[in-house]
Amino acid sequence: MSYLDTVRKTKEELKQKQAAADITEGPIVAVLIDSTVLGAEIWFALDDDWRPDLGDSRAVFYASELSFLQTKSPETLREIHKVKLASGGMVKQ
């Protein structure tokens, strides 16, 4: 294989890897939500071990927290959101 063929092949492989992720290709472990109650984007994670990418400063709310969160007022949820943001986004209740 010539140098030019190798470059072309590598370029095509990179294009395929950079294509948009297909959510039907595997399990969904987290969803980005634009919350009107909180006035911010948050992560909702189905897996307690899930962590956002480094540098992502959005708060993470976990499915395991739902029983605790479901009885909270919007004001209390906003306070919980502030605490999560202040501590790196991943405080679990």
Protein backbone atom coordinates (compact mmCIF):
# COMPACT_ATOMS: atom_id res chain seq x y z
CA MET A 1 0.00 0.00 0.00
CA SER A 2 1.39 3.36 -0.98
CA TYR A 3 1.81 6.27 1.41
CA LEU A 4 -1.07 8.10 -0.29
CA ASP A 5 -3.35 5.07 0.02
CA THR A 6 -2.51 4.79 3.73
CA VAL A 7 -3.34 8.46 4.27
CA ARG A 8 -6.64 8.09 2.42
CA LYS A 9 -7.56 4.98 4.39
CA THR A 10 -6.69 6.64 7.71
CA LYS A 11 -8.67 9.74 6.77
CA GLU A 12 -11.74 7.63 5.92
CA GLU A 13 -11.45 5.69 9.20
CA LEU A 14 -11.29 8.97 11.15
CA LYS A 15 -14.39 10.26 9.35
CA GLN A 16 -16.30 7.13 10.33
CA LYS A 17 -15.23 7.42 13.98
CA GLN A 18 -16.21 11.09 14.12
CA ALA A 19 -19.71 10.48 12.74
CA ALA A 20 -22.55 11.37 15.09
CA ALA A 21 -23.27 8.72 17.68
CA ASP A 22 -26.29 6.56 16.99
CA ILE A 23 -28.27 6.24 20.22
CA THR A 24 -29.67 2.92 19.01
CA GLU A 25 -26.16 1.43 19.07
CA GLY A 26 -26.02 0.82 22.80
CA PRO A 27 -27.56 1.51 26.16
CA ILE A 28 -28.51 5.06 27.09
CA VAL A 29 -26.81 5.88 30.39
CA ALA A 30 -27.33 9.64 30.56
CA VAL A 31 -29.47 12.29 28.91
CA LEU A 32 -28.85 16.03 28.70
CA ILE A 33 -31.99 17.93 29.74
CA ASP A 34 -32.75 21.64 29.43
CA SER A 35 -34.66 22.13 32.69
CA THR A 36 -37.16 24.98 32.78
CA VAL A 37 -37.55 24.58 36.55
CA LEU A 38 -33.81 24.98 37.13
CA GLY A 39 -33.20 27.33 34.24
CA ALA A 40 -30.18 25.27 33.21
CA GLU A 41 -29.02 22.21 31.33
CA ILE A 42 -28.52 19.18 33.58
CA TRP A 43 -27.47 15.60 33.11
CA PHE A 44 -29.92 12.89 34.11
CA ALA A 45 -27.96 9.67 34.58
CA LEU A 46 -29.52 6.22 34.71
CA ASP A 47 -26.25 4.68 35.90
CA ASP A 48 -24.85 5.79 39.28
CA ASP A 49 -21.32 5.21 38.00
CA TRP A 50 -21.72 7.58 35.05
CA ARG A 51 -19.58 10.73 35.03
CA PRO A 52 -19.60 13.61 32.52
CA ASP A 53 -16.56 14.42 30.43
CA LEU A 54 -13.83 16.46 32.09
CA GLY A 55 -14.61 20.15 31.85
CA ASP A 56 -18.38 19.61 31.72
CA SER A 57 -19.61 21.69 34.65
CA ARG A 58 -23.31 20.82 34.43
CA ALA A 59 -24.97 19.21 37.43
CA VAL A 60 -25.73 15.48 37.33
CA PHE A 61 -28.96 14.13 38.78
CA TYR A 62 -29.09 10.34 39.14
CA ALA A 63 -32.11 8.06 38.74
CA SER A 64 -31.38 6.70 42.22
CA GLU A 65 -32.15 10.20 43.57
CA LEU A 66 -35.67 10.39 42.10
CA SER A 67 -37.48 9.10 45.18
CA PHE A 68 -35.78 11.83 47.23
CA LEU A 69 -36.26 14.58 44.64
CA GLN A 70 -39.89 13.90 43.70
CA THR A 71 -41.29 15.53 46.84
CA LYS A 72 -39.16 18.68 46.62
CA SER A 73 -40.49 22.10 45.67
CA PRO A 74 -39.02 23.98 42.70
CA GLU A 75 -37.19 26.28 45.14
CA THR A 76 -35.62 23.31 46.94
CA LEU A 77 -34.63 21.72 43.63
CA ARG A 78 -32.91 24.96 42.63
CA GLU A 79 -30.99 24.93 45.93
CA ILE A 80 -29.96 21.30 45.38
CA HIS A 81 -28.84 22.28 41.88
CA LYS A 82 -26.71 25.11 43.31
CA VAL A 83 -25.06 22.70 45.77
CA LYS A 84 -24.31 20.24 42.98
CA LEU A 85 -22.75 22.99 40.87
CA ALA A 86 -20.66 24.27 43.77
CA SER A 87 -19.27 20.80 44.44
CA GLY A 88 -18.43 19.76 40.91
CA GLY A 89 -21.89 18.70 39.78
CA MET A 90 -22.09 15.20 41.22
CA VAL A 91 -23.35 15.29 44.81
CA LYS A 92 -25.81 12.43 45.36
CA GLN A 93 -28.59 12.67 47.92
